[in-house]
Amino acid sequence: MVRISGVNIPNHKHLWVALTSIYGVGPTRSKKILAACKIDASRKVETLSEEELGVVRDELKNHTLEWDLRREVTSNIKALSDMNCYRGVRHKNNLPVRGQRTKTNARTKRGKKATVANKKVAAK
């Protein structure tokens, strides 16, 4: 296993796919990084030499990744919550932030359904 940015990269995958296991690196960024390093994206991780891995590590240092990125996102959400702006209030209440409907759907954000029983009508 190769270790880049504190993450174990799988050996048997193509390099551009393996780099996406790093938080903050998606398919597009992965291919741009490899193009900047002049390494073929379809090569397997196990075929890379230590020099090539060093070039990839150096290129990744130019980006905000892993813990730094997680900390930045968390602090941005906390700032929104402290401001009590609309998006911050939605984050506090565990509701969708970007205008999605909540009457139906939104199960991922709101959690499992909680059934509310009907009140019994008092007999006269």
PDB file of N, CA and C in Angstrom:
ATOM      1  N   MET A   1       0.841  -1.198   0.000  1.00  0.00           N
ATOM      2  CA  MET A   1       0.000   0.000   0.000  1.00  0.00           C
ATOM      3  C   MET A   1       0.876   1.248   0.000  1.00  0.00           C
ATOM      4  N   VAL A   2       0.469   2.194  -0.813  1.00  0.00           N
ATOM      5  CA  VAL A   2       1.162   3.470  -0.887  1.00  0.00           C
ATOM      6  C   VAL A   2       0.427   4.443   0.015  1.00  0.00           C
ATOM      7  N   ARG A   3       1.190   5.285   0.723  1.00  0.00           N
ATOM      8  CA  ARG A   3       0.579   6.255   1.627  1.00  0.00           C
ATOM      9  C   ARG A   3       0.853   7.662   1.102  1.00  0.00           C
ATOM     10  N   ILE A   4      -0.235   8.385   0.783  1.00  0.00           N
ATOM     11  CA  ILE A   4      -0.132   9.759   0.297  1.00  0.00           C
ATOM     12  C   ILE A   4      -1.089  10.617   1.113  1.00  0.00           C
ATOM     13  N   SER A   5      -0.612  11.722   1.628  1.00  0.00           N
ATOM     14  CA  SER A   5      -1.407  12.660   2.440  1.00  0.00           C
ATOM     15  C   SER A   5      -2.078  11.975   3.619  1.00  0.00           C
ATOM     16  N   GLY A   6      -1.404  10.988   4.193  1.00  0.00           N
ATOM     17  CA  GLY A   6      -1.932  10.296   5.362  1.00  0.00           C
ATOM     18  C   GLY A   6      -3.034   9.303   5.049  1.00  0.00           C
ATOM     19  N   VAL A   7      -3.199   8.946   3.763  1.00  0.00           N
ATOM     20  CA  VAL A   7      -4.240   8.012   3.358  1.00  0.00           C
ATOM     21  C   VAL A   7      -3.592   6.844   2.622  1.00  0.00           C
ATOM     22  N   ASN A   8      -4.025   5.625   2.922  1.00  0.00           N
ATOM     23  CA  ASN A   8      -3.537   4.459   2.194  1.00  0.00           C
ATOM     24  C   ASN A   8      -4.217   4.395   0.838  1.00  0.00           C
ATOM     25  N   ILE A   9      -3.428   4.407  -0.217  1.00  0.00           N
ATOM     26  CA  ILE A   9      -3.931   4.362  -1.585  1.00  0.00           C
ATOM     27  C   ILE A   9      -3.917   2.909  -2.045  1.00  0.00           C
ATOM     28  N   PRO A  10      -5.036   2.384  -2.588  1.00  0.00           N
ATOM     29  CA  PRO A  10      -5.061   0.982  -3.039  1.00  0.00           C
ATOM     30  C   PRO A  10      -4.115   0.759  -4.223  1.00  0.00           C
ATOM     31  N   ASN A  11      -3.369  -0.340  -4.192  1.00  0.00           N
ATOM     32  CA  ASN A  11      -2.381  -0.649  -5.226  1.00  0.00           C
ATOM     33  C   ASN A  11      -2.975  -1.113  -6.537  1.00  0.00           C
ATOM     34  N   HIS A  12      -4.066  -1.844  -6.491  1.00  0.00           N
ATOM     35  CA  HIS A  12      -4.577  -2.527  -7.674  1.00  0.00           C
ATOM     36  C   HIS A  12      -5.455  -1.645  -8.564  1.00  0.00           C
ATOM     37  N   LYS A  13      -5.661  -0.398  -8.204  1.00  0.00           N
ATOM     38  CA  LYS A  13      -6.536   0.484  -8.994  1.00  0.00           C
ATOM     39  C   LYS A  13      -5.721   1.394  -9.892  1.00  0.00           C
ATOM     40  N   HIS A  14      -6.404   1.969 -10.889  1.00  0.00           N
ATOM     41  CA  HIS A  14      -5.766   2.985 -11.723  1.00  0.00           C
ATOM     42  C   HIS A  14      -5.445   4.176 -10.838  1.00  0.00           C
ATOM     43  N   LEU A  15      -4.408   4.900 -11.220  1.00  0.00           N
ATOM     44  CA  LEU A  15      -3.926   5.989 -10.373  1.00  0.00           C
ATOM     45  C   LEU A  15      -4.968   7.080 -10.180  1.00  0.00           C
ATOM     46  N   TRP A  16      -5.697   7.446 -11.243  1.00  0.00           N
ATOM     47  CA  TRP A  16      -6.677   8.534 -11.105  1.00  0.00           C
ATOM     48  C   TRP A  16      -7.832   8.119 -10.196  1.00  0.00           C
ATOM     49  N   VAL A  17      -8.177   6.835 -10.176  1.00  0.00           N
ATOM     50  CA  VAL A  17      -9.245   6.347  -9.290  1.00  0.00           C
ATOM     51  C   VAL A  17      -8.726   6.259  -7.857  1.00  0.00           C
ATOM     52  N   ALA A  18      -7.500   5.809  -7.695  1.00  0.00           N
ATOM     53  CA  ALA A  18      -6.925   5.642  -6.360  1.00  0.00           C
ATOM     54  C   ALA A  18      -6.769   6.992  -5.655  1.00  0.00           C
ATOM     55  N   LEU A  19      -6.446   8.044  -6.411  1.00  0.00           N
ATOM     56  CA  LEU A  19      -6.279   9.360  -5.782  1.00  0.00           C
ATOM     57  C   LEU A  19      -7.593   9.916  -5.251  1.00  0.00           C
ATOM     58  N   THR A  20      -8.724   9.434  -5.765  1.00  0.00           N
ATOM     59  CA  THR A  20     -10.014   9.934  -5.285  1.00  0.00           C
ATOM     60  C   THR A  20     -10.337   9.433  -3.885  1.00  0.00           C
ATOM     61  N   SER A  21      -9.533   8.518  -3.341  1.00  0.00           N
ATOM     62  CA  SER A  21      -9.755   8.069  -1.963  1.00  0.00           C
ATOM     63  C   SER A  21      -9.255   9.112  -0.961  1.00  0.00           C
ATOM     64  N   ILE A  22      -8.592  10.150  -1.454  1.00  0.00           N
ATOM     65  CA  ILE A  22      -8.153  11.255  -0.600  1.00  0.00           C
ATOM     66  C   ILE A  22      -9.286  12.267  -0.525  1.00  0.00           C
ATOM     67  N   TYR A  23      -9.640  12.719   0.683  1.00  0.00           N
ATOM     68  CA  TYR A  23     -10.719  13.692   0.867  1.00  0.00           C
ATOM     69  C   TYR A  23     -10.326  15.003   0.210  1.00  0.00           C
ATOM     70  N   GLY A  24     -11.153  15.467  -0.715  1.00  0.00           N
ATOM     71  CA  GLY A  24     -10.884  16.713  -1.418  1.00  0.00           C
ATOM     72  C   GLY A  24     -10.385  16.498  -2.832  1.00  0.00           C
ATOM     73  N   VAL A  25     -10.166  15.243  -3.221  1.00  0.00           N
ATOM     74  CA  VAL A  25      -9.730  14.931  -4.576  1.00  0.00           C
ATOM     75  C   VAL A  25     -10.809  14.098  -5.242  1.00  0.00           C
ATOM     76  N   GLY A  26     -11.448  14.668  -6.243  1.00  0.00           N
ATOM     77  CA  GLY A  26     -12.436  13.955  -7.039  1.00  0.00           C
ATOM     78  C   GLY A  26     -11.818  13.536  -8.355  1.00  0.00           C
ATOM     79  N   PRO A  27     -12.628  12.993  -9.261  1.00  0.00           N
ATOM     80  CA  PRO A  27     -12.098  12.527 -10.544  1.00  0.00           C
ATOM     81  C   PRO A  27     -11.454  13.637 -11.370  1.00  0.00           C
ATOM     82  N   THR A  28     -12.082  14.796 -11.429  1.00  0.00           N
ATOM     83  CA  THR A  28     -11.545  15.886 -12.241  1.00  0.00           C
ATOM     84  C   THR A  28     -10.223  16.395 -11.681  1.00  0.00           C
ATOM     85  N   ARG A  29     -10.174  16.655 -10.390  1.00  0.00           N
ATOM     86  CA  ARG A  29      -8.932  17.152  -9.773  1.00  0.00           C
ATOM     87  C   ARG A  29      -7.836  16.107  -9.886  1.00  0.00           C
ATOM     88  N   SER A  30      -8.192  14.841  -9.739  1.00  0.00           N
ATOM     89  CA  SER A  30      -7.215  13.768  -9.844  1.00  0.00           C
ATOM     90  C   SER A  30      -6.551  13.773 -11.221  1.00  0.00           C
ATOM     91  N   LYS A  31      -7.341  13.902 -12.268  1.00  0.00           N
ATOM     92  CA  LYS A  31      -6.794  13.904 -13.630  1.00  0.00           C
ATOM     93  C   LYS A  31      -5.961  15.157 -13.894  1.00  0.00           C
ATOM     94  N   LYS A  32      -6.369  16.301 -13.332  1.00  0.00           N
ATOM     95  CA  LYS A  32      -5.585  17.534 -13.503  1.00  0.00           C
ATOM     96  C   LYS A  32      -4.236  17.416 -12.795  1.00  0.00           C
ATOM     97  N   ILE A  33      -4.223  16.813 -11.619  1.00  0.00           N
ATOM     98  CA  ILE A  33      -2.973  16.628 -10.874  1.00  0.00           C
ATOM     99  C   ILE A  33      -2.024  15.734 -11.663  1.00  0.00           C
ATOM    100  N   LEU A  34      -2.554  14.650 -12.219  1.00  0.00           N
ATOM    101  CA  LEU A  34      -1.713  13.727 -12.970  1.00  0.00           C
ATOM    102  C   LEU A  34      -1.220  14.355 -14.274  1.00  0.00           C
ATOM    103  N   ALA A  35      -2.054  15.211 -14.884  1.00  0.00           N
ATOM    104  CA  ALA A  35      -1.613  15.906 -16.091  1.00  0.00           C
ATOM    105  C   ALA A  35      -0.479  16.878 -15.756  1.00  0.00           C
ATOM    106  N   ALA A  36      -0.566  17.544 -14.607  1.00  0.00           N
ATOM    107  CA  ALA A  36       0.488  18.461 -14.188  1.00  0.00           C
ATOM    108  C   ALA A  36       1.786  17.704 -13.877  1.00  0.00           C
ATOM    109  N   CYS A  37       1.646  16.465 -13.398  1.00  0.00           N
ATOM    110  CA  CYS A  37       2.818  15.646 -13.087  1.00  0.00           C
ATOM    111  C   CYS A  37       3.356  14.917 -14.319  1.00  0.00           C
ATOM    112  N   LYS A  38       2.617  14.975 -15.434  1.00  0.00           N
ATOM    113  CA  LYS A  38       2.979  14.277 -16.667  1.00  0.00           C
ATOM    114  C   LYS A  38       3.061  12.763 -16.451  1.00  0.00           C
ATOM    115  N   ILE A  39       2.047  12.239 -15.741  1.00  0.00           N
ATOM    116  CA  ILE A  39       1.943  10.801 -15.499  1.00  0.00           C
ATOM    117  C   ILE A  39       0.639  10.326 -16.120  1.00  0.00           C
ATOM    118  N   ASP A  40       0.679   9.164 -16.798  1.00  0.00           N
ATOM    119  CA  ASP A  40      -0.515   8.613 -17.427  1.00  0.00           C
ATOM    120  C   ASP A  40      -1.516   8.207 -16.352  1.00  0.00           C
ATOM    121  N   ALA A  41      -2.742   8.687 -16.471  1.00  0.00           N
ATOM    122  CA  ALA A  41      -3.759   8.450 -15.440  1.00  0.00           C
ATOM    123  C   ALA A  41      -4.213   7.004 -15.388  1.00  0.00           C
ATOM    124  N   SER A  42      -4.070   6.272 -16.481  1.00  0.00           N
ATOM    125  CA  SER A  42      -4.573   4.896 -16.514  1.00  0.00           C
ATOM    126  C   SER A  42      -3.572   3.879 -15.961  1.00  0.00           C
ATOM    127  N   ARG A  43      -2.387   4.326 -15.535  1.00  0.00           N
ATOM    128  CA  ARG A  43      -1.416   3.402 -14.931  1.00  0.00           C
ATOM    129  C   ARG A  43      -1.899   2.948 -13.567  1.00  0.00           C
ATOM    130  N   LYS A  44      -1.518   1.739 -13.215  1.00  0.00           N
ATOM    131  CA  LYS A  44      -1.849   1.220 -11.885  1.00  0.00           C
ATOM    132  C   LYS A  44      -0.866   1.784 -10.865  1.00  0.00           C
ATOM    133  N   VAL A  45      -1.316   1.897  -9.623  1.00  0.00           N
ATOM    134  CA  VAL A  45      -0.491   2.463  -8.564  1.00  0.00           C
ATOM    135  C   VAL A  45       0.756   1.620  -8.335  1.00  0.00           C
ATOM    136  N   GLU A  46       0.618   0.306  -8.431  1.00  0.00           N
ATOM    137  CA  GLU A  46       1.741  -0.586  -8.140  1.00  0.00           C
ATOM    138  C   GLU A  46       2.882  -0.463  -9.156  1.00  0.00           C
ATOM    139  N   THR A  47       2.624   0.122 -10.339  1.00  0.00           N
ATOM    140  CA  THR A  47       3.672   0.249 -11.354  1.00  0.00           C
ATOM    141  C   THR A  47       4.479   1.540 -11.206  1.00  0.00           C
ATOM    142  N   LEU A  48       4.112   2.404 -10.270  1.00  0.00           N
ATOM    143  CA  LEU A  48       4.801   3.689 -10.121  1.00  0.00           C
ATOM    144  C   LEU A  48       6.106   3.535  -9.348  1.00  0.00           C
ATOM    145  N   SER A  49       7.087   4.332  -9.739  1.00  0.00           N
ATOM    146  CA  SER A  49       8.356   4.345  -9.010  1.00  0.00           C
ATOM    147  C   SER A  49       8.250   5.347  -7.857  1.00  0.00           C
ATOM    148  N   GLU A  50       9.230   5.312  -6.976  1.00  0.00           N
ATOM    149  CA  GLU A  50       9.233   6.231  -5.834  1.00  0.00           C
ATOM    150  C   GLU A  50       9.371   7.682  -6.291  1.00  0.00           C
ATOM    151  N   GLU A  51      10.119   7.915  -7.381  1.00  0.00           N
ATOM    152  CA  GLU A  51      10.276   9.280  -7.888  1.00  0.00           C
ATOM    153  C   GLU A  51       8.937   9.835  -8.369  1.00  0.00           C
ATOM    154  N   GLU A  52       8.178   8.986  -9.086  1.00  0.00           N
ATOM    155  CA  GLU A  52       6.870   9.422  -9.584  1.00  0.00           C
ATOM    156  C   GLU A  52       5.906   9.689  -8.432  1.00  0.00           C
ATOM    157  N   LEU A  53       5.950   8.848  -7.420  1.00  0.00           N
ATOM    158  CA  LEU A  53       5.106   9.073  -6.244  1.00  0.00           C
ATOM    159  C   LEU A  53       5.496  10.369  -5.538  1.00  0.00           C
ATOM    160  N   GLY A  54       6.776  10.655  -5.510  1.00  0.00           N
ATOM    161  CA  GLY A  54       7.236  11.913  -4.910  1.00  0.00           C
ATOM    162  C   GLY A  54       6.722  13.121  -5.673  1.00  0.00           C
ATOM    163  N   VAL A  55       6.682  13.028  -6.999  1.00  0.00           N
ATOM    164  CA  VAL A  55       6.160  14.124  -7.817  1.00  0.00           C
ATOM    165  C   VAL A  55       4.672  14.333  -7.532  1.00  0.00           C
ATOM    166  N   VAL A  56       3.918  13.230  -7.402  1.00  0.00           N
ATOM    167  CA  VAL A  56       2.483  13.322  -7.104  1.00  0.00           C
ATOM    168  C   VAL A  56       2.278  13.933  -5.718  1.00  0.00           C
ATOM    169  N   ARG A  57       3.080  13.515  -4.742  1.00  0.00           N
ATOM    170  CA  ARG A  57       2.969  14.079  -3.382  1.00  0.00           C
ATOM    171  C   ARG A  57       3.232  15.583  -3.386  1.00  0.00           C
ATOM    172  N   ASP A  58       4.263  15.996  -4.141  1.00  0.00           N
ATOM    173  CA  ASP A  58       4.585  17.428  -4.212  1.00  0.00           C
ATOM    174  C   ASP A  58       3.450  18.219  -4.850  1.00  0.00           C
ATOM    175  N   GLU A  59       2.822  17.644  -5.879  1.00  0.00           N
ATOM    176  CA  GLU A  59       1.709  18.337  -6.545  1.00  0.00           C
ATOM    177  C   GLU A  59       0.496  18.426  -5.620  1.00  0.00           C
ATOM    178  N   LEU A  60       0.268  17.393  -4.808  1.00  0.00           N
ATOM    179  CA  LEU A  60      -0.867  17.400  -3.880  1.00  0.00           C
ATOM    180  C   LEU A  60      -0.682  18.425  -2.759  1.00  0.00           C
ATOM    181  N   LYS A  61       0.566  18.792  -2.462  1.00  0.00           N
ATOM    182  CA  LYS A  61       0.812  19.779  -1.414  1.00  0.00           C
ATOM    183  C   LYS A  61       0.300  21.163  -1.800  1.00  0.00           C
ATOM    184  N   ASN A  62       0.032  21.382  -3.099  1.00  0.00           N
ATOM    185  CA  ASN A  62      -0.479  22.673  -3.574  1.00  0.00           C
ATOM    186  C   ASN A  62      -1.977  22.828  -3.340  1.00  0.00           C
ATOM    187  N   HIS A  63      -2.633  21.778  -2.845  1.00  0.00           N
ATOM    188  CA  HIS A  63      -4.085  21.794  -2.657  1.00  0.00           C
ATOM    189  C   HIS A  63      -4.433  21.621  -1.181  1.00  0.00           C
ATOM    190  N   THR A  64      -5.592  22.133  -0.789  1.00  0.00           N
ATOM    191  CA  THR A  64      -6.089  21.926   0.571  1.00  0.00           C
ATOM    192  C   THR A  64      -6.815  20.582   0.602  1.00  0.00           C
ATOM    193  N   LEU A  65      -6.321  19.650   1.405  1.00  0.00           N
ATOM    194  CA  LEU A  65      -6.857  18.293   1.423  1.00  0.00           C
ATOM    195  C   LEU A  65      -7.015  17.791   2.854  1.00  0.00           C
ATOM    196  N   GLU A  66      -7.712  16.672   2.966  1.00  0.00           N
ATOM    197  CA  GLU A  66      -7.882  15.932   4.213  1.00  0.00           C
ATOM    198  C   GLU A  66      -8.254  16.804   5.411  1.00  0.00           C
ATOM    199  N   TRP A  67      -7.463  16.810   6.487  1.00  0.00           N
ATOM    200  CA  TRP A  67      -7.861  17.443   7.748  1.00  0.00           C
ATOM    201  C   TRP A  67      -7.990  18.946   7.621  1.00  0.00           C
ATOM    202  N   ASP A  68      -7.118  19.553   6.822  1.00  0.00           N
ATOM    203  CA  ASP A  68      -7.211  21.002   6.642  1.00  0.00           C
ATOM    204  C   ASP A  68      -8.531  21.376   5.975  1.00  0.00           C
ATOM    205  N   LEU A  69      -8.919  20.602   4.968  1.00  0.00           N
ATOM    206  CA  LEU A  69     -10.172  20.875   4.259  1.00  0.00           C
ATOM    207  C   LEU A  69     -11.374  20.601   5.157  1.00  0.00           C
ATOM    208  N   ARG A  70     -11.336  19.507   5.911  1.00  0.00           N
ATOM    209  CA  ARG A  70     -12.438  19.199   6.834  1.00  0.00           C
ATOM    210  C   ARG A  70     -12.594  20.312   7.874  1.00  0.00           C
ATOM    211  N   ARG A  71     -11.468  20.792   8.413  1.00  0.00           N
ATOM    212  CA  ARG A  71     -11.492  21.858   9.407  1.00  0.00           C
ATOM    213  C   ARG A  71     -12.060  23.141   8.799  1.00  0.00           C
ATOM    214  N   GLU A  72     -11.683  23.429   7.559  1.00  0.00           N
ATOM    215  CA  GLU A  72     -12.164  24.632   6.880  1.00  0.00           C
ATOM    216  C   GLU A  72     -13.677  24.577   6.650  1.00  0.00           C
ATOM    217  N   VAL A  73     -14.173  23.422   6.202  1.00  0.00           N
ATOM    218  CA  VAL A  73     -15.612  23.262   5.967  1.00  0.00           C
ATOM    219  C   VAL A  73     -16.384  23.389   7.271  1.00  0.00           C
ATOM    220  N   THR A  74     -15.873  22.743   8.329  1.00  0.00           N
ATOM    221  CA  THR A  74     -16.528  22.813   9.636  1.00  0.00           C
ATOM    222  C   THR A  74     -16.569  24.239  10.159  1.00  0.00           C
ATOM    223  N   SER A  75     -15.476  24.967   9.998  1.00  0.00           N
ATOM    224  CA  SER A  75     -15.456  26.347  10.486  1.00  0.00           C
ATOM    225  C   SER A  75     -16.380  27.236   9.666  1.00  0.00           C
ATOM    226  N   ASN A  76     -16.510  26.964   8.365  1.00  0.00           N
ATOM    227  CA  ASN A  76     -17.447  27.735   7.537  1.00  0.00           C
ATOM    228  C   ASN A  76     -18.890  27.512   7.995  1.00  0.00           C
ATOM    229  N   ILE A  77     -19.243  26.260   8.288  1.00  0.00           N
ATOM    230  CA  ILE A  77     -20.595  25.948   8.754  1.00  0.00           C
ATOM    231  C   ILE A  77     -20.843  26.579  10.123  1.00  0.00           C
ATOM    232  N   LYS A  78     -19.820  26.542  10.997  1.00  0.00           N
ATOM    233  CA  LYS A  78     -19.957  27.160  12.318  1.00  0.00           C
ATOM    234  C   LYS A  78     -20.153  28.665  12.193  1.00  0.00           C
ATOM    235  N   ALA A  79     -19.450  29.299  11.257  1.00  0.00           N
ATOM    236  CA  ALA A  79     -19.605  30.742  11.044  1.00  0.00           C
ATOM    237  C   ALA A  79     -21.016  31.072  10.588  1.00  0.00           C
ATOM    238  N   LEU A  80     -21.580  30.246   9.702  1.00  0.00           N
ATOM    239  CA  LEU A  80     -22.958  30.457   9.247  1.00  0.00           C
ATOM    240  C   LEU A  80     -23.931  30.328  10.418  1.00  0.00           C
ATOM    241  N   SER A  81     -23.692  29.334  11.274  1.00  0.00           N
ATOM    242  CA  SER A  81     -24.572  29.121  12.429  1.00  0.00           C
ATOM    243  C   SER A  81     -24.471  30.284  13.416  1.00  0.00           C
ATOM    244  N   ASP A  82     -23.262  30.790  13.635  1.00  0.00           N
ATOM    245  CA  ASP A  82     -23.073  31.903  14.561  1.00  0.00           C
ATOM    246  C   ASP A  82     -23.742  33.178  14.066  1.00  0.00           C
ATOM    247  N   MET A  83     -23.792  33.352  12.759  1.00  0.00           N
ATOM    248  CA  MET A  83     -24.432  34.531  12.165  1.00  0.00           C
ATOM    249  C   MET A  83     -25.948  34.473  12.250  1.00  0.00           C
ATOM    250  N   ASN A  84     -26.476  33.266  12.484  1.00  0.00           N
ATOM    251  CA  ASN A  84     -27.917  33.017  12.457  1.00  0.00           C
ATOM    252  C   ASN A  84     -28.539  33.378  11.111  1.00  0.00           C
ATOM    253  N   CYS A  85     -27.777  33.181  10.045  1.00  0.00           N
ATOM    254  CA  CYS A  85     -28.345  33.391   8.720  1.00  0.00           C
ATOM    255  C   CYS A  85     -29.194  32.168   8.371  1.00  0.00           C
ATOM    256  N   TYR A  86     -29.934  32.250   7.280  1.00  0.00           N
ATOM    257  CA  TYR A  86     -30.870  31.191   6.911  1.00  0.00           C
ATOM    258  C   TYR A  86     -30.160  29.846   6.795  1.00  0.00           C
ATOM    259  N   ARG A  87     -29.030  29.817   6.070  1.00  0.00           N
ATOM    260  CA  ARG A  87     -28.306  28.564   5.896  1.00  0.00           C
ATOM    261  C   ARG A  87     -27.786  28.030   7.226  1.00  0.00           C
ATOM    262  N   GLY A  88     -27.358  28.927   8.110  1.00  0.00           N
ATOM    263  CA  GLY A  88     -26.874  28.496   9.415  1.00  0.00           C
ATOM    264  C   GLY A  88     -27.975  27.884  10.260  1.00  0.00           C
ATOM    265  N   VAL A  89     -29.167  28.474  10.213  1.00  0.00           N
ATOM    266  CA  VAL A  89     -30.313  27.947  10.967  1.00  0.00           C
ATOM    267  C   VAL A  89     -30.698  26.577  10.431  1.00  0.00           C
ATOM    268  N   ARG A  90     -30.660  26.408   9.096  1.00  0.00           N
ATOM    269  CA  ARG A  90     -30.981  25.102   8.498  1.00  0.00           C
ATOM    270  C   ARG A  90     -29.954  24.052   8.935  1.00  0.00           C
ATOM    271  N   HIS A  91     -28.676  24.431   9.006  1.00  0.00           N
ATOM    272  CA  HIS A  91     -27.658  23.490   9.479  1.00  0.00           C
ATOM    273  C   HIS A  91     -27.919  23.109  10.934  1.00  0.00           C
ATOM    274  N   LYS A  92     -28.269  24.081  11.770  1.00  0.00           N
ATOM    275  CA  LYS A  92     -28.527  23.797  13.189  1.00  0.00           C
ATOM    276  C   LYS A  92     -29.687  22.826  13.365  1.00  0.00           C
ATOM    277  N   ASN A  93     -30.749  22.996  12.557  1.00  0.00           N
ATOM    278  CA  ASN A  93     -31.957  22.190  12.702  1.00  0.00           C
ATOM    279  C   ASN A  93     -31.915  20.889  11.918  1.00  0.00           C
ATOM    280  N   ASN A  94     -30.765  20.561  11.343  1.00  0.00           N
ATOM    281  CA  ASN A  94     -30.620  19.340  10.534  1.00  0.00           C
ATOM    282  C   ASN A  94     -31.665  19.253   9.428  1.00  0.00           C
ATOM    283  N   LEU A  95     -31.805  20.319   8.683  1.00  0.00           N
ATOM    284  CA  LEU A  95     -32.720  20.364   7.553  1.00  0.00           C
ATOM    285  C   LEU A  95     -31.922  20.652   6.292  1.00  0.00           C
ATOM    286  N   PRO A  96     -32.485  20.350   5.112  1.00  0.00           N
ATOM    287  CA  PRO A  96     -31.764  20.647   3.875  1.00  0.00           C
ATOM    288  C   PRO A  96     -31.482  22.135   3.749  1.00  0.00           C
ATOM    289  N   VAL A  97     -30.301  22.475   3.268  1.00  0.00           N
ATOM    290  CA  VAL A  97     -29.837  23.856   3.254  1.00  0.00           C
ATOM    291  C   VAL A  97     -30.152  24.551   1.939  1.00  0.00           C
ATOM    292  N   ARG A  98     -30.209  23.810   0.842  1.00  0.00           N
ATOM    293  CA  ARG A  98     -30.232  24.431  -0.475  1.00  0.00           C
ATOM    294  C   ARG A  98     -31.603  24.442  -1.142  1.00  0.00           C
ATOM    295  N   GLY A  99     -32.649  24.596  -0.361  1.00  0.00           N
ATOM    296  CA  GLY A  99     -33.967  24.835  -0.943  1.00  0.00           C
ATOM    297  C   GLY A  99     -34.748  23.603  -1.334  1.00  0.00           C
ATOM    298  N   GLN A 100     -34.325  22.420  -0.913  1.00  0.00           N
ATOM    299  CA  GLN A 100     -35.071  21.219  -1.262  1.00  0.00           C
ATOM    300  C   GLN A 100     -36.357  21.151  -0.455  1.00  0.00           C
ATOM    301  N   ARG A 101     -37.319  20.404  -0.977  1.00  0.00           N
ATOM    302  CA  ARG A 101     -38.583  20.268  -0.268  1.00  0.00           C
ATOM    303  C   ARG A 101     -38.422  19.353   0.930  1.00  0.00           C
ATOM    304  N   THR A 102     -39.273  19.568   1.943  1.00  0.00           N
ATOM    305  CA  THR A 102     -39.174  18.735   3.139  1.00  0.00           C
ATOM    306  C   THR A 102     -40.492  18.066   3.506  1.00  0.00           C
ATOM    307  N   LYS A 103     -41.582  18.401   2.799  1.00  0.00           N
ATOM    308  CA  LYS A 103     -42.846  17.749   3.121  1.00  0.00           C
ATOM    309  C   LYS A 103     -42.725  16.248   2.856  1.00  0.00           C
ATOM    310  N   THR A 104     -42.168  15.913   1.714  1.00  0.00           N
ATOM    311  CA  THR A 104     -41.794  14.528   1.433  1.00  0.00           C
ATOM    312  C   THR A 104     -40.296  14.544   1.173  1.00  0.00           C
ATOM    313  N   ASN A 105     -39.708  13.389   1.148  1.00  0.00           N
ATOM    314  CA  ASN A 105     -38.262  13.261   0.903  1.00  0.00           C
ATOM    315  C   ASN A 105     -37.447  13.880   2.043  1.00  0.00           C
ATOM    316  N   ALA A 106     -36.227  14.250   1.799  1.00  0.00           N
ATOM    317  CA  ALA A 106     -35.289  14.784   2.795  1.00  0.00           C
ATOM    318  C   ALA A 106     -35.029  13.776   3.913  1.00  0.00           C
ATOM    319  N   ARG A 107     -35.202  12.494   3.652  1.00  0.00           N
ATOM    320  CA  ARG A 107     -34.998  11.469   4.671  1.00  0.00           C
ATOM    321  C   ARG A 107     -33.532  11.345   5.062  1.00  0.00           C
ATOM    322  N   THR A 108     -32.634  11.587   4.133  1.00  0.00           N
ATOM    323  CA  THR A 108     -31.212  11.466   4.443  1.00  0.00           C
ATOM    324  C   THR A 108     -30.817  12.474   5.503  1.00  0.00           C
ATOM    325  N   LYS A 109     -31.291  13.681   5.377  1.00  0.00           N
ATOM    326  CA  LYS A 109     -30.912  14.739   6.300  1.00  0.00           C
ATOM    327  C   LYS A 109     -31.705  14.670   7.606  1.00  0.00           C
ATOM    328  N   ARG A 110     -33.011  14.390   7.512  1.00  0.00           N
ATOM    329  CA  ARG A 110     -33.869  14.451   8.693  1.00  0.00           C
ATOM    330  C   ARG A 110     -33.857  13.171   9.512  1.00  0.00           C
ATOM    331  N   GLY A 111     -33.445  12.065   8.934  1.00  0.00           N
ATOM    332  CA  GLY A 111     -33.400  10.808   9.669  1.00  0.00           C
ATOM    333  C   GLY A 111     -34.626   9.953   9.405  1.00  0.00           C
ATOM    334  N   LYS A 112     -34.730   8.866  10.144  1.00  0.00           N
ATOM    335  CA  LYS A 112     -35.814   7.914   9.961  1.00  0.00           C
ATOM    336  C   LYS A 112     -37.148   8.496  10.381  1.00  0.00           C
ATOM    337  N   LYS A 113     -38.224   8.037   9.714  1.00  0.00           N
ATOM    338  CA  LYS A 113     -39.562   8.536  10.028  1.00  0.00           C
ATOM    339  C   LYS A 113     -39.940   8.246  11.474  1.00  0.00           C
ATOM    340  N   ALA A 114     -40.599   9.209  12.093  1.00  0.00           N
ATOM    341  CA  ALA A 114     -41.143   9.006  13.439  1.00  0.00           C
ATOM    342  C   ALA A 114     -42.657   9.128  13.321  1.00  0.00           C
ATOM    343  N   THR A 115     -43.367   8.034  13.513  1.00  0.00           N
ATOM    344  CA  THR A 115     -44.815   8.032  13.366  1.00  0.00           C
ATOM    345  C   THR A 115     -45.453   8.743  14.546  1.00  0.00           C
ATOM    346  N   VAL A 116     -46.382   9.632  14.239  1.00  0.00           N
ATOM    347  CA  VAL A 116     -47.106  10.358  15.273  1.00  0.00           C
ATOM    348  C   VAL A 116     -48.522   9.791  15.304  1.00  0.00           C
ATOM    349  N   ALA A 117     -48.950   9.290  16.481  1.00  0.00           N
ATOM    350  CA  ALA A 117     -50.270   8.675  16.608  1.00  0.00           C
ATOM    351  C   ALA A 117     -51.350   9.748  16.660  1.00  0.00           C
ATOM    352  N   ASN A 118     -52.543   9.397  16.134  1.00  0.00           N
ATOM    353  CA  ASN A 118     -53.680  10.318  16.195  1.00  0.00           C
ATOM    354  C   ASN A 118     -54.232  10.366  17.601  1.00  0.00           C
ATOM    355  N   LYS A 119     -54.726  11.540  18.009  1.00  0.00           N
ATOM    356  CA  LYS A 119     -55.355  11.661  19.319  1.00  0.00           C
ATOM    357  C   LYS A 119     -56.742  11.048  19.268  1.00  0.00           C
ATOM    358  N   LYS A 120     -57.152  10.406  20.349  1.00  0.00           N
ATOM    359  CA  LYS A 120     -58.488   9.840  20.404  1.00  0.00           C
ATOM    360  C   LYS A 120     -59.500  10.949  20.645  1.00  0.00           C
ATOM    361  N   VAL A 121     -60.623  10.841  19.938  1.00  0.00           N
ATOM    362  CA  VAL A 121     -61.695  11.832  20.112  1.00  0.00           C
ATOM    363  C   VAL A 121     -62.492  11.447  21.347  1.00  0.00           C
ATOM    364  N   ALA A 122     -62.706  12.368  22.252  1.00  0.00           N
ATOM    365  CA  ALA A 122     -63.449  12.101  23.486  1.00  0.00           C
ATOM    366  C   ALA A 122     -64.912  11.849  23.175  1.00  0.00           C
ATOM    367  N   ALA A 123     -65.489  10.795  23.759  1.00  0.00           N
ATOM    368  CA  ALA A 123     -66.904  10.463  23.550  1.00  0.00           C
ATOM    369  C   ALA A 123     -67.771  11.370  24.397  1.00  0.00           C
ATOM    370  N   LYS A 124     -68.932  11.768  23.842  1.00  0.00           N
ATOM    371  CA  LYS A 124     -69.834  12.659  24.566  1.00  0.00           C
ATOM    372  C   LYS A 124     -70.830  11.912  25.388  1.00  0.00           C
TER     373      LYS A 124
END
